[in-house]
Protein backbone atom coordinates (compact mmCIF):
# COMPACT_ATOMS: atom_id res chain seq x y z
CA MET A 1 -9.79 -10.70 19.33
CA ILE A 2 -7.38 -12.45 17.00
CA ASN A 3 -3.74 -11.97 17.92
CA LEU A 4 -2.08 -10.24 14.96
CA GLU A 5 1.30 -11.60 15.97
CA GLU A 6 -0.07 -15.12 15.48
CA TYR A 7 -2.09 -14.19 12.41
CA PRO A 8 -0.46 -11.34 10.47
CA HIS A 9 -2.46 -9.90 7.60
CA ASN A 10 -1.60 -12.22 4.71
CA LYS A 11 -3.03 -15.03 2.58
CA GLU A 12 -1.65 -17.81 4.76
CA SER A 13 -3.27 -16.39 7.89
CA LEU A 14 -6.58 -15.96 6.07
CA LEU A 15 -6.50 -19.63 5.06
CA GLN A 16 -5.74 -20.69 8.65
CA LEU A 17 -8.53 -18.52 10.05
CA LEU A 18 -11.06 -19.84 7.54
CA GLU A 19 -10.05 -23.40 8.44
CA ARG A 20 -10.51 -22.63 12.13
CA SER A 21 -13.89 -21.02 11.50
CA ARG A 22 -15.00 -24.09 9.53
CA THR A 23 -14.25 -26.29 12.55
CA ARG A 24 -15.89 -23.74 14.86
CA THR A 25 -12.72 -23.08 16.88
CA LEU A 26 -13.00 -19.43 15.86
CA SER A 27 -16.16 -17.38 15.40
CA HIS A 28 -17.15 -16.21 11.95
CA GLU A 29 -17.55 -12.75 13.43
CA GLU A 30 -13.87 -12.68 14.43
CA VAL A 31 -12.85 -13.70 10.91
CA ALA A 32 -15.01 -10.94 9.41
CA MET A 33 -13.53 -8.36 11.79
CA TRP A 34 -9.96 -9.55 11.03
CA CYS A 35 -10.69 -9.20 7.31
CA PHE A 36 -12.08 -5.71 7.80
CA LEU A 37 -8.92 -4.71 9.69
CA PHE A 38 -6.76 -6.29 6.97
CA TRP A 39 -8.62 -4.32 4.29
CA SER A 40 -8.26 -1.07 6.29
CA ARG A 41 -4.54 -1.61 6.73
CA TRP A 42 -4.18 -2.57 3.04
CA ARG A 43 -5.88 0.68 1.97
CA SER A 44 -3.51 2.66 4.18
CA ASP A 45 -0.58 0.61 2.84
CA GLU A 46 0.59 -0.26 6.32
CA ASP A 47 3.53 -2.67 6.30
CA ASP A 48 3.59 -2.36 2.50
CA LEU A 49 0.43 -4.51 2.34
CA PHE A 50 -0.74 -2.76 -0.83
CA THR A 51 2.14 -4.20 -2.85
CA LYS A 52 2.58 -7.45 -0.88
CA THR A 53 -1.03 -8.66 -1.16
CA ASP A 54 -2.20 -10.42 -4.30
CA GLU A 55 -5.49 -9.44 -5.93
CA MET A 56 -7.36 -12.67 -5.13
CA THR A 57 -6.53 -12.39 -1.44
CA ILE A 58 -7.58 -8.76 -1.10
CA ASP A 59 -10.79 -9.42 -3.06
CA MET A 60 -11.63 -12.22 -0.64
CA VAL A 61 -10.70 -10.08 2.38
CA MET A 62 -13.03 -7.35 1.11
CA GLU A 63 -15.85 -9.84 0.50
CA ILE A 64 -15.58 -11.35 3.98
CA GLY A 65 -14.96 -7.96 5.65
CA GLU A 66 -18.25 -6.70 4.19
CA PHE A 67 -20.06 -8.95 6.67
CA TRP A 68 -18.48 -6.91 9.49
CA VAL A 69 -19.36 -3.59 7.86
CA GLU A 70 -22.97 -4.60 7.20
CA LYS A 71 -23.58 -6.07 10.64
CA PRO A 72 -24.86 -2.89 12.35
CA GLN A 73 -26.68 -1.72 9.23
CA TYR A 74 -28.85 -4.84 9.13
CA GLU A 75 -28.98 -5.22 12.92
CA VAL A 76 -27.44 -8.67 12.66
CA GLN A 77 -26.53 -10.07 16.04
CA VAL A 78 -24.21 -12.86 14.93
CA ILE A 79 -22.33 -13.44 11.69
CA ILE A 80 -22.59 -17.02 10.46
CA PHE A 81 -21.10 -18.24 7.20
CA LYS A 82 -22.47 -21.30 5.46
CA ASP A 83 -20.03 -24.21 5.32
CA GLU A 84 -20.29 -24.17 1.53
CA GLN A 85 -19.25 -20.51 1.49
CA ILE A 86 -16.20 -21.20 3.66
CA ASP A 87 -15.24 -24.13 1.45
CA MET A 88 -15.55 -21.92 -1.64
CA TRP A 89 -13.31 -19.22 -0.11
CA ILE A 90 -10.71 -21.80 0.90
CA GLY A 91 -10.80 -23.33 -2.57
CA ARG A 92 -10.29 -19.96 -4.26
CA LEU A 93 -7.29 -19.17 -2.05
CA ARG A 94 -5.49 -22.45 -2.76
């Protein structure tokens, strides 16, 4: 599980986590779960995330978090992002 003290729910943390997942030092599944938790907290406006989070970041968080939500539905065992997809997400965040 990703330590939220090291990676608070924000754009900068998302970029760092995507970079780590690209180099395989963090599983794609952990990134998807972190994004799902970010989205859940954003919807509840915890820590004022609703007003602090820009639209591009939350859109990306929702897109990546969907992999976590869909995992049991499609009986996927492991979430794996294509390198091109990770690069696209990183590029959109910068």
